[in-house]
Amino acid sequence: MSDCQHSTKGDCPHQHHHHHELVIEGLCVSYHKTPALREIELATSCGNSVALVGPNGAGKSTLLKAIAGLQRKDKGSILWRNEPIQRWSREFAYLPQSEEVNWDFPITVRGMVEMGRYPHLGPWKRYSAHDDEVVERALALMRLEPLQDRQIRELSGGQQQRAFLARSIAQEAHVLLLDEPFTGLDRDHSAQLSDLLRNITHEGRLVIASHHDLNTAADIFDHTLLINQEVIAYGPTATTLSEANLNLAFTN
């Protein structure tokens, strides 16, 4: 397990302490008594990016939802800062697969990013100057300033992903959980999203994303958790995605 990475003072506005670690032990999840995940173990920390790789039905989406607190577990523990994740729910941002989102919802890009501030507002839901600053910074980081007044349904797939990421940044989420964020993106938008995820990781956040393109995984993610309902391998992406490990994961 690596310590959180810090940039030089002043470079990175989103810094963490060494105890910002995600530790999963013995996680088991089932649907109607059919096992979906068995004895999953994972330890990582802020400043890292982790790809979830495995065949269809391997449990990647289930694992993301379990970490986000959206999927009930049968047994095991998911700890953040040495405490159950429920204690820190607002520090987690979950981005579902694109087809699960109602893109016809009448809201602008800026309005969507402002939603990220809701968990931080007081009982009167009044925005402060600080809230506005955080939203402006999130829009800038995701290069969305020219699009902020556009309806989300008018965005391209890559722009929609950036809007979701901006909302997570505005939420000041420490952990970003992304379900197949590159699906449906062309080469240029994929390259742009890759750069943005690397920037987010460099800022000190933890990014965990299901990913299906084995050829690009090592360029985007520091580590890979290779699963097929159970852990096949976990470690640096370049060595984890070996031919032997992939055969184990995709032929079971």
Protein backbone atom coordinates (compact mmCIF):
# COMPACT_ATOMS: atom_id res chain seq x y z
CA MET A 1 0.00 0.00 0.00
CA SER A 2 1.49 3.32 -1.03
CA ASP A 3 1.37 6.54 0.92
CA CYS A 4 -0.53 9.47 -0.46
CA GLN A 5 1.44 11.47 -2.94
CA HIS A 6 1.94 15.16 -2.36
CA SER A 7 2.97 17.82 -4.81
CA THR A 8 5.00 20.81 -3.79
CA LYS A 9 3.21 23.21 -1.51
CA GLY A 10 1.03 25.56 -3.53
CA ASP A 11 0.94 23.35 -6.64
CA CYS A 12 -1.91 21.12 -5.60
CA PRO A 13 -5.03 22.42 -3.85
CA HIS A 14 -6.30 18.95 -3.06
CA GLN A 15 -3.86 17.29 -0.69
CA HIS A 16 -4.44 14.36 1.64
CA HIS A 17 -2.88 12.79 4.67
CA HIS A 18 -1.27 9.38 4.84
CA HIS A 19 -4.34 7.83 6.49
CA HIS A 20 -6.56 8.47 3.44
CA GLU A 21 -6.50 4.82 2.45
CA LEU A 22 -9.14 2.53 1.00
CA VAL A 23 -8.93 -0.98 2.37
CA ILE A 24 -11.27 -3.77 1.27
CA GLU A 25 -11.08 -7.11 3.07
CA GLY A 26 -13.03 -10.30 2.41
CA LEU A 27 -15.76 -8.56 0.42
CA CYS A 28 -18.53 -10.89 -0.76
CA VAL A 29 -21.60 -9.75 -2.72
CA SER A 30 -24.42 -11.81 -4.21
CA TYR A 31 -27.59 -11.22 -6.22
CA HIS A 32 -30.50 -13.46 -5.19
CA LYS A 33 -28.03 -15.91 -3.62
CA THR A 34 -25.91 -16.02 -6.79
CA PRO A 35 -22.33 -14.95 -5.95
CA ALA A 36 -21.14 -11.83 -7.77
CA LEU A 37 -17.96 -11.12 -5.80
CA ARG A 38 -15.98 -13.50 -3.61
CA GLU A 39 -13.40 -12.53 -0.99
CA ILE A 40 -12.24 -9.34 -2.72
CA GLU A 41 -9.13 -7.77 -1.22
CA LEU A 42 -7.80 -4.34 -2.21
CA ALA A 43 -5.60 -1.73 -0.55
CA THR A 44 -4.85 1.62 -2.17
CA SER A 45 -4.65 5.29 -1.26
CA CYS A 46 -5.07 8.79 -2.57
CA GLY A 47 -2.82 9.83 -5.43
CA ASN A 48 -3.34 6.49 -7.19
CA SER A 49 -5.42 5.37 -10.15
CA VAL A 50 -6.72 1.80 -10.32
CA ALA A 51 -8.26 0.07 -13.34
CA LEU A 52 -10.79 -2.70 -12.78
CA VAL A 53 -10.29 -5.22 -15.58
CA GLY A 54 -12.12 -8.46 -16.23
CA PRO A 55 -14.62 -10.14 -18.55
CA ASN A 56 -18.30 -9.21 -18.75
CA GLY A 57 -20.03 -10.39 -15.59
CA ALA A 58 -16.78 -10.33 -13.60
CA GLY A 59 -18.26 -7.99 -10.98
CA LYS A 60 -16.56 -4.71 -11.91
CA SER A 61 -19.73 -2.60 -11.71
CA THR A 62 -20.81 -4.44 -8.57
CA LEU A 63 -17.51 -3.64 -6.88
CA LEU A 64 -17.77 0.05 -7.77
CA LYS A 65 -21.31 0.21 -6.41
CA ALA A 66 -20.28 -1.60 -3.23
CA ILE A 67 -17.47 0.91 -2.64
CA ALA A 68 -19.91 3.75 -3.30
CA GLY A 69 -22.28 2.31 -0.69
CA LEU A 70 -24.95 1.58 -3.32
CA GLN A 71 -24.73 -2.21 -3.16
CA ARG A 72 -25.31 -4.29 -0.04
CA LYS A 73 -22.50 -6.64 0.84
CA ASP A 74 -22.92 -10.14 2.28
CA LYS A 75 -19.76 -9.94 4.33
CA GLY A 76 -16.39 -8.24 4.49
CA SER A 77 -15.37 -4.65 5.16
CA ILE A 78 -14.75 -1.51 3.11
CA LEU A 79 -12.83 1.08 5.10
CA TRP A 80 -11.81 4.63 4.29
CA ARG A 81 -9.62 6.45 6.81
CA ASN A 82 -9.86 3.29 8.94
CA GLU A 83 -13.63 3.70 9.29
CA PRO A 84 -16.67 2.31 7.40
CA ILE A 85 -17.28 4.16 4.15
CA GLN A 86 -20.71 5.37 5.31
CA ARG A 87 -18.92 7.76 7.66
CA TRP A 88 -17.32 9.50 4.68
CA SER A 89 -19.99 9.13 1.98
CA ARG A 90 -19.65 12.68 0.65
CA GLU A 91 -15.98 12.04 -0.11
CA PHE A 92 -16.99 9.41 -2.69
CA ALA A 93 -18.35 10.24 -6.15
CA TYR A 94 -19.84 7.49 -8.31
CA LEU A 95 -20.26 7.98 -12.07
CA PRO A 96 -22.47 5.30 -13.62
CA GLN A 97 -22.26 4.04 -17.18
CA SER A 98 -23.47 6.63 -19.66
CA GLU A 99 -26.58 4.69 -20.67
CA GLU A 100 -27.81 4.73 -17.07
CA VAL A 101 -28.01 8.53 -17.02
CA ASN A 102 -31.09 10.51 -18.04
CA TRP A 103 -29.45 13.03 -20.35
CA ASP A 104 -32.83 14.67 -21.07
CA PHE A 105 -32.97 16.08 -17.54
CA PRO A 106 -33.33 19.86 -18.00
CA ILE A 107 -30.17 21.24 -16.44
CA THR A 108 -27.19 23.21 -17.68
CA VAL A 109 -23.58 22.14 -17.33
CA ARG A 110 -23.03 24.72 -14.61
CA GLY A 111 -26.18 23.62 -12.80
CA MET A 112 -24.96 20.04 -12.85
CA VAL A 113 -21.56 21.04 -11.45
CA GLU A 114 -23.24 23.15 -8.74
CA MET A 115 -25.05 19.99 -7.59
CA GLY A 116 -21.69 18.80 -6.35
CA ARG A 117 -21.83 21.45 -3.65
CA TYR A 118 -25.17 20.24 -2.19
CA PRO A 119 -23.60 17.92 0.43
CA HIS A 120 -21.60 20.87 1.78
CA LEU A 121 -24.40 23.43 2.04
CA GLY A 122 -26.07 24.35 5.30
CA PRO A 123 -29.77 23.84 6.09
CA TRP A 124 -30.75 26.92 4.07
CA LYS A 125 -28.91 25.71 0.95
CA ARG A 126 -27.33 29.08 0.35
CA TYR A 127 -24.28 29.32 -1.87
CA SER A 128 -21.29 31.21 -0.53
CA ALA A 129 -18.44 32.88 -2.37
CA HIS A 130 -16.37 29.80 -1.58
CA ASP A 131 -18.95 27.53 -3.25
CA ASP A 132 -18.81 29.69 -6.37
CA GLU A 133 -15.02 29.54 -6.37
CA VAL A 134 -15.05 25.75 -6.13
CA VAL A 135 -17.54 25.48 -9.02
CA GLU A 136 -15.50 27.88 -11.17
CA ARG A 137 -12.35 25.90 -10.51
CA ALA A 138 -14.05 22.60 -11.36
CA LEU A 139 -15.34 24.02 -14.65
CA ALA A 140 -11.86 25.31 -15.48
CA LEU A 141 -10.12 22.07 -14.56
CA MET A 142 -12.45 20.09 -16.83
CA ARG A 143 -12.20 22.75 -19.58
CA LEU A 144 -15.95 23.36 -19.53
CA GLU A 145 -16.11 27.14 -19.12
CA PRO A 146 -17.26 27.73 -22.75
CA LEU A 147 -20.01 25.10 -22.30
CA GLN A 148 -21.30 26.02 -18.84
CA ASP A 149 -24.63 27.45 -20.06
CA ARG A 150 -25.36 24.57 -22.42
CA GLN A 151 -27.98 21.92 -21.62
CA ILE A 152 -26.35 18.57 -20.79
CA ARG A 153 -28.36 16.83 -23.52
CA GLU A 154 -26.55 18.99 -26.08
CA LEU A 155 -23.11 17.70 -25.07
CA SER A 156 -21.02 15.08 -26.82
CA GLY A 157 -20.14 11.89 -24.96
CA GLY A 158 -16.74 13.23 -23.98
CA GLN A 159 -18.21 16.51 -22.78
CA GLN A 160 -20.80 14.67 -20.70
CA GLN A 161 -18.06 12.69 -18.96
CA ARG A 162 -16.17 15.91 -18.24
CA ALA A 163 -19.34 17.45 -16.77
CA PHE A 164 -19.72 14.48 -14.42
CA LEU A 165 -16.08 14.74 -13.41
CA ALA A 166 -16.49 18.47 -12.79
CA ARG A 167 -19.42 17.77 -10.47
CA SER A 168 -17.21 15.32 -8.56
CA ILE A 169 -14.45 17.93 -8.31
CA ALA A 170 -16.96 20.51 -7.03
CA GLN A 171 -18.12 17.94 -4.47
CA GLU A 172 -14.49 17.86 -3.33
CA ALA A 173 -14.68 14.10 -3.59
CA HIS A 174 -11.53 12.27 -2.58
CA VAL A 175 -12.47 9.05 -4.39
CA LEU A 176 -13.86 8.94 -7.93
CA LEU A 177 -15.56 5.69 -8.94
CA LEU A 178 -16.08 5.53 -12.71
CA ASP A 179 -17.98 2.78 -14.53
CA GLU A 180 -16.57 2.38 -18.07
CA PRO A 181 -15.91 6.11 -18.57
CA PHE A 182 -14.28 5.59 -21.99
CA THR A 183 -17.14 3.65 -23.59
CA GLY A 184 -18.42 5.36 -26.72
CA LEU A 185 -15.68 8.00 -26.86
CA ASP A 186 -13.68 8.57 -30.04
CA ARG A 187 -9.90 8.66 -30.02
CA ASP A 188 -9.59 12.41 -29.39
CA HIS A 189 -12.10 12.46 -26.53
CA SER A 190 -10.51 9.33 -25.02
CA ALA A 191 -7.09 11.00 -25.08
CA GLN A 192 -8.54 14.12 -23.48
CA LEU A 193 -10.25 12.12 -20.73
CA SER A 194 -7.02 10.20 -20.11
CA ASP A 195 -5.18 13.48 -19.55
CA LEU A 196 -7.89 14.72 -17.19
CA LEU A 197 -7.83 11.53 -15.11
CA ARG A 198 -4.05 11.75 -14.81
CA ASN A 199 -4.41 15.37 -13.63
CA ILE A 200 -7.04 14.36 -11.08
CA THR A 201 -4.75 11.64 -9.74
CA HIS A 202 -1.81 14.04 -9.63
CA GLU A 203 -3.94 16.39 -7.53
CA GLY A 204 -4.08 13.68 -4.87
CA ARG A 205 -7.43 12.03 -5.53
CA LEU A 206 -8.01 8.30 -5.83
CA VAL A 207 -9.50 7.18 -9.15
CA ILE A 208 -10.97 3.68 -9.56
CA ALA A 209 -12.50 2.88 -12.94
CA SER A 210 -13.69 -0.19 -14.80
CA HIS A 211 -11.85 -0.35 -18.10
CA HIS A 212 -12.01 -2.70 -21.07
CA ASP A 213 -9.23 -1.51 -23.39
CA LEU A 214 -6.16 -3.52 -22.42
CA ASN A 215 -3.99 -1.57 -24.86
CA THR A 216 -4.50 1.75 -23.09
CA ALA A 217 -4.75 0.67 -19.45
CA ALA A 218 -1.04 1.08 -18.68
CA ASP A 219 -1.02 4.61 -20.10
CA ILE A 220 -3.90 5.75 -17.88
CA PHE A 221 -3.81 3.72 -14.66
CA ASP A 222 -0.96 3.14 -12.20
CA HIS A 223 -2.43 -0.10 -10.88
CA THR A 224 -4.87 -2.73 -12.06
CA LEU A 225 -7.19 -5.04 -10.15
CA LEU A 226 -7.82 -8.00 -12.43
CA ILE A 227 -10.99 -9.79 -11.35
CA ASN A 228 -13.40 -12.49 -12.38
CA GLN A 229 -15.71 -12.51 -9.36
CA GLU A 230 -12.56 -12.99 -7.31
CA VAL A 231 -9.16 -11.32 -7.43
CA ILE A 232 -6.92 -12.78 -10.12
CA ALA A 233 -4.07 -10.30 -9.65
CA TYR A 234 -3.42 -6.82 -8.31
CA GLY A 235 -0.43 -4.56 -8.77
CA PRO A 236 1.26 -2.21 -11.24
CA THR A 237 -0.69 -2.27 -14.48
CA ALA A 238 2.19 -3.25 -16.77
CA THR A 239 3.01 -6.40 -14.80
CA THR A 240 -0.53 -7.30 -13.68
CA LEU A 241 -1.86 -7.50 -17.24
CA SER A 242 0.50 -10.32 -18.16
CA GLU A 243 -0.54 -13.00 -20.62
CA ALA A 244 -0.69 -15.59 -17.85
CA ASN A 245 -2.93 -13.43 -15.63
CA LEU A 246 -5.21 -12.48 -18.52
CA ASN A 247 -5.63 -16.14 -19.42
CA LEU A 248 -6.63 -16.88 -15.85
CA ALA A 249 -9.16 -14.03 -15.79
CA PHE A 250 -10.75 -14.47 -19.21
CA THR A 251 -10.86 -18.26 -19.49
CA ASN A 252 -12.48 -19.11 -16.15
